[in-house]
Amino acid sequence: MVKLQLLSKLNSTICLLELIMKGNTKVITTLNGLLHNELAAIDQYFTHS
C-alpha cells in the first residue's frame, strides 16, 4: 500500500515537472549540434593518440 502511494506521488511529481519545464527547440537543437562537435573532437583525439 505504501509503495503504491509513493509511486502515485512520484508519477504526479513527474507530470508536474513536465508541465513546468519546457524546452526551447532552437536552444536544444543548438546544444545538440555543439555536443555532436565535442564528441567528434573527442573521437578524433582518441583515434590519433
PDB file of N, CA and C in Angstrom:
ATOM      1  N   MET A   1       0.827  -1.198   0.000  1.00  0.00           N
ATOM      2  CA  MET A   1       0.000   0.000   0.000  1.00  0.00           C
ATOM      3  C   MET A   1       0.868   1.257   0.000  1.00  0.00           C
ATOM      4  N   VAL A   2       1.895   1.261   0.846  1.00  0.00           N
ATOM      5  CA  VAL A   2       2.791   2.420   0.918  1.00  0.00           C
ATOM      6  C   VAL A   2       3.523   2.594  -0.404  1.00  0.00           C
ATOM      7  N   LYS A   3       3.925   1.459  -1.002  1.00  0.00           N
ATOM      8  CA  LYS A   3       4.627   1.509  -2.276  1.00  0.00           C
ATOM      9  C   LYS A   3       3.744   2.145  -3.353  1.00  0.00           C
ATOM     10  N   LEU A   4       2.484   1.783  -3.365  1.00  0.00           N
ATOM     11  CA  LEU A   4       1.537   2.337  -4.330  1.00  0.00           C
ATOM     12  C   LEU A   4       1.374   3.839  -4.136  1.00  0.00           C
ATOM     13  N   GLN A   5       1.315   4.282  -2.890  1.00  0.00           N
ATOM     14  CA  GLN A   5       1.189   5.715  -2.611  1.00  0.00           C
ATOM     15  C   GLN A   5       2.435   6.462  -3.076  1.00  0.00           C
ATOM     16  N   LEU A   6       3.615   5.875  -2.840  1.00  0.00           N
ATOM     17  CA  LEU A   6       4.857   6.514  -3.276  1.00  0.00           C
ATOM     18  C   LEU A   6       4.928   6.603  -4.795  1.00  0.00           C
ATOM     19  N   LEU A   7       4.533   5.525  -5.464  1.00  0.00           N
ATOM     20  CA  LEU A   7       4.536   5.535  -6.926  1.00  0.00           C
ATOM     21  C   LEU A   7       3.558   6.564  -7.471  1.00  0.00           C
ATOM     22  N   SER A   8       2.409   6.677  -6.850  1.00  0.00           N
ATOM     23  CA  SER A   8       1.417   7.658  -7.273  1.00  0.00           C
ATOM     24  C   SER A   8       1.948   9.074  -7.093  1.00  0.00           C
ATOM     25  N   LYS A   9       2.592   9.323  -5.956  1.00  0.00           N
ATOM     26  CA  LYS A   9       3.154  10.649  -5.688  1.00  0.00           C
ATOM     27  C   LYS A   9       4.284  10.959  -6.667  1.00  0.00           C
ATOM     28  N   LEU A  10       5.136   9.968  -6.951  1.00  0.00           N
ATOM     29  CA  LEU A  10       6.229  10.145  -7.893  1.00  0.00           C
ATOM     30  C   LEU A  10       5.696  10.443  -9.284  1.00  0.00           C
ATOM     31  N   ASN A  11       4.678   9.714  -9.698  1.00  0.00           N
ATOM     32  CA  ASN A  11       4.085   9.921 -11.010  1.00  0.00           C
ATOM     33  C   ASN A  11       3.504  11.322 -11.138  1.00  0.00           C
ATOM     34  N   SER A  12       2.811  11.803 -10.114  1.00  0.00           N
ATOM     35  CA  SER A  12       2.230  13.146 -10.178  1.00  0.00           C
ATOM     36  C   SER A  12       3.323  14.207 -10.165  1.00  0.00           C
ATOM     37  N   THR A  13       4.434  13.949  -9.454  1.00  0.00           N
ATOM     38  CA  THR A  13       5.559  14.891  -9.443  1.00  0.00           C
ATOM     39  C   THR A  13       6.194  14.977 -10.818  1.00  0.00           C
ATOM     40  N   ILE A  14       6.367  13.834 -11.466  1.00  0.00           N
ATOM     41  CA  ILE A  14       6.950  13.822 -12.807  1.00  0.00           C
ATOM     42  C   ILE A  14       6.049  14.573 -13.778  1.00  0.00           C
ATOM     43  N   CYS A  15       4.751  14.363 -13.703  1.00  0.00           N
ATOM     44  CA  CYS A  15       3.814  15.074 -14.577  1.00  0.00           C
ATOM     45  C   CYS A  15       3.894  16.576 -14.343  1.00  0.00           C
ATOM     46  N   LEU A  16       4.017  16.984 -13.091  1.00  0.00           N
ATOM     47  CA  LEU A  16       4.123  18.401 -12.768  1.00  0.00           C
ATOM     48  C   LEU A  16       5.404  18.985 -13.341  1.00  0.00           C
ATOM     49  N   LEU A  17       6.517  18.268 -13.214  1.00  0.00           N
ATOM     50  CA  LEU A  17       7.786  18.750 -13.761  1.00  0.00           C
ATOM     51  C   LEU A  17       7.727  18.875 -15.281  1.00  0.00           C
ATOM     52  N   GLU A  18       7.041  17.950 -15.931  1.00  0.00           N
ATOM     53  CA  GLU A  18       6.900  18.023 -17.378  1.00  0.00           C
ATOM     54  C   GLU A  18       6.120  19.264 -17.790  1.00  0.00           C
ATOM     55  N   LEU A  19       5.156  19.675 -16.985  1.00  0.00           N
ATOM     56  CA  LEU A  19       4.397  20.883 -17.284  1.00  0.00           C
ATOM     57  C   LEU A  19       5.221  22.139 -17.029  1.00  0.00           C
ATOM     58  N   ILE A  20       6.051  22.118 -15.981  1.00  0.00           N
ATOM     59  CA  ILE A  20       6.836  23.297 -15.611  1.00  0.00           C
ATOM     60  C   ILE A  20       8.001  23.507 -16.569  1.00  0.00           C
ATOM     61  N   MET A  21       8.714  22.434 -16.891  1.00  0.00           N
ATOM     62  CA  MET A  21       9.921  22.544 -17.702  1.00  0.00           C
ATOM     63  C   MET A  21       9.569  22.401 -19.178  1.00  0.00           C
ATOM     64  N   LYS A  22       9.745  23.471 -19.905  1.00  0.00           N
ATOM     65  CA  LYS A  22       9.505  23.440 -21.337  1.00  0.00           C
ATOM     66  C   LYS A  22      10.806  23.812 -22.033  1.00  0.00           C
ATOM     67  N   GLY A  23      11.208  23.018 -22.993  1.00  0.00           N
ATOM     68  CA  GLY A  23      12.448  23.275 -23.709  1.00  0.00           C
ATOM     69  C   GLY A  23      12.201  24.135 -24.935  1.00  0.00           C
ATOM     70  N   ASN A  24      13.141  25.020 -25.183  1.00  0.00           N
ATOM     71  CA  ASN A  24      13.118  25.825 -26.393  1.00  0.00           C
ATOM     72  C   ASN A  24      13.770  24.996 -27.495  1.00  0.00           C
ATOM     73  N   THR A  25      13.024  24.692 -28.537  1.00  0.00           N
ATOM     74  CA  THR A  25      13.504  23.814 -29.597  1.00  0.00           C
ATOM     75  C   THR A  25      14.782  24.332 -30.233  1.00  0.00           C
ATOM     76  N   LYS A  26      14.871  25.627 -30.456  1.00  0.00           N
ATOM     77  CA  LYS A  26      16.061  26.204 -31.088  1.00  0.00           C
ATOM     78  C   LYS A  26      17.289  26.032 -30.192  1.00  0.00           C
ATOM     79  N   VAL A  27      17.124  26.247 -28.898  1.00  0.00           N
ATOM     80  CA  VAL A  27      18.237  26.096 -27.958  1.00  0.00           C
ATOM     81  C   VAL A  27      18.679  24.638 -27.891  1.00  0.00           C
ATOM     82  N   ILE A  28      17.727  23.727 -27.822  1.00  0.00           N
ATOM     83  CA  ILE A  28      18.059  22.306 -27.745  1.00  0.00           C
ATOM     84  C   ILE A  28      18.776  21.853 -29.012  1.00  0.00           C
ATOM     85  N   THR A  29      18.329  22.311 -30.163  1.00  0.00           N
ATOM     86  CA  THR A  29      18.978  21.962 -31.422  1.00  0.00           C
ATOM     87  C   THR A  29      20.408  22.479 -31.457  1.00  0.00           C
ATOM     88  N   THR A  30      20.615  23.712 -31.017  1.00  0.00           N
ATOM     89  CA  THR A  30      21.955  24.294 -30.980  1.00  0.00           C
ATOM     90  C   THR A  30      22.858  23.516 -30.029  1.00  0.00           C
ATOM     91  N   LEU A  31      22.350  23.198 -28.848  1.00  0.00           N
ATOM     92  CA  LEU A  31      23.142  22.438 -27.879  1.00  0.00           C
ATOM     93  C   LEU A  31      23.469  21.038 -28.396  1.00  0.00           C
ATOM     94  N   ASN A  32      22.532  20.406 -29.087  1.00  0.00           N
ATOM     95  CA  ASN A  32      22.801  19.089 -29.669  1.00  0.00           C
ATOM     96  C   ASN A  32      23.904  19.167 -30.714  1.00  0.00           C
ATOM     97  N   GLY A  33      23.905  20.229 -31.517  1.00  0.00           N
ATOM     98  CA  GLY A  33      24.965  20.422 -32.505  1.00  0.00           C
ATOM     99  C   GLY A  33      26.322  20.612 -31.847  1.00  0.00           C
ATOM    100  N   LEU A  34      26.357  21.418 -30.791  1.00  0.00           N
ATOM    101  CA  LEU A  34      27.610  21.632 -30.067  1.00  0.00           C
ATOM    102  C   LEU A  34      28.102  20.338 -29.424  1.00  0.00           C
ATOM    103  N   LEU A  35      27.192  19.581 -28.860  1.00  0.00           N
ATOM    104  CA  LEU A  35      27.565  18.309 -28.249  1.00  0.00           C
ATOM    105  C   LEU A  35      28.117  17.354 -29.301  1.00  0.00           C
ATOM    106  N   HIS A  36      27.492  17.326 -30.459  1.00  0.00           N
ATOM    107  CA  HIS A  36      27.965  16.475 -31.552  1.00  0.00           C
ATOM    108  C   HIS A  36      29.401  16.837 -31.919  1.00  0.00           C
ATOM    109  N   ASN A  37      29.684  18.139 -32.032  1.00  0.00           N
ATOM    110  CA  ASN A  37      31.034  18.585 -32.383  1.00  0.00           C
ATOM    111  C   ASN A  37      32.043  18.196 -31.311  1.00  0.00           C
ATOM    112  N   GLU A  38      31.674  18.339 -30.053  1.00  0.00           N
ATOM    113  CA  GLU A  38      32.581  17.976 -28.956  1.00  0.00           C
ATOM    114  C   GLU A  38      32.857  16.475 -28.951  1.00  0.00           C
ATOM    115  N   LEU A  39      31.823  15.678 -29.172  1.00  0.00           N
ATOM    116  CA  LEU A  39      32.019  14.226 -29.195  1.00  0.00           C
ATOM    117  C   LEU A  39      32.880  13.805 -30.381  1.00  0.00           C
ATOM    118  N   ALA A  40      32.722  14.482 -31.513  1.00  0.00           N
ATOM    119  CA  ALA A  40      33.560  14.187 -32.677  1.00  0.00           C
ATOM    120  C   ALA A  40      35.015  14.538 -32.383  1.00  0.00           C
ATOM    121  N   ALA A  41      35.249  15.655 -31.696  1.00  0.00           N
ATOM    122  CA  ALA A  41      36.614  16.050 -31.343  1.00  0.00           C
ATOM    123  C   ALA A  41      37.246  15.030 -30.396  1.00  0.00           C
ATOM    124  N   ILE A  42      36.471  14.532 -29.448  1.00  0.00           N
ATOM    125  CA  ILE A  42      36.990  13.516 -28.522  1.00  0.00           C
ATOM    126  C   ILE A  42      37.336  12.237 -29.283  1.00  0.00           C
ATOM    127  N   ASP A  43      36.468  11.833 -30.213  1.00  0.00           N
ATOM    128  CA  ASP A  43      36.743  10.642 -31.019  1.00  0.00           C
ATOM    129  C   ASP A  43      38.034  10.808 -31.808  1.00  0.00           C
ATOM    130  N   GLN A  44      38.234  11.969 -32.415  1.00  0.00           N
ATOM    131  CA  GLN A  44      39.456  12.223 -33.181  1.00  0.00           C
ATOM    132  C   GLN A  44      40.678  12.187 -32.273  1.00  0.00           C
ATOM    133  N   TYR A  45      40.556  12.743 -31.086  1.00  0.00           N
ATOM    134  CA  TYR A  45      41.668  12.741 -30.139  1.00  0.00           C
ATOM    135  C   TYR A  45      42.084  11.310 -29.815  1.00  0.00           C
ATOM    136  N   PHE A  46      41.107  10.457 -29.505  1.00  0.00           N
ATOM    137  CA  PHE A  46      41.435   9.076 -29.161  1.00  0.00           C
ATOM    138  C   PHE A  46      41.937   8.298 -30.372  1.00  0.00           C
ATOM    139  N   THR A  47      41.440   8.611 -31.551  1.00  0.00           N
ATOM    140  CA  THR A  47      41.890   7.925 -32.757  1.00  0.00           C
ATOM    141  C   THR A  47      43.353   8.236 -33.044  1.00  0.00           C
ATOM    142  N   HIS A  48      43.755   9.486 -32.836  1.00  0.00           N
ATOM    143  CA  HIS A  48      45.114   9.910 -33.176  1.00  0.00           C
ATOM    144  C   HIS A  48      46.101   9.750 -32.030  1.00  0.00           C
ATOM    145  N   SER A  49      45.644   9.328 -30.872  1.00  0.00           N
ATOM    146  CA  SER A  49      46.596   9.188 -29.754  1.00  0.00           C
ATOM    147  C   SER A  49      47.097   7.765 -29.612  1.00  0.00           C
TER     148      SER A  49
END
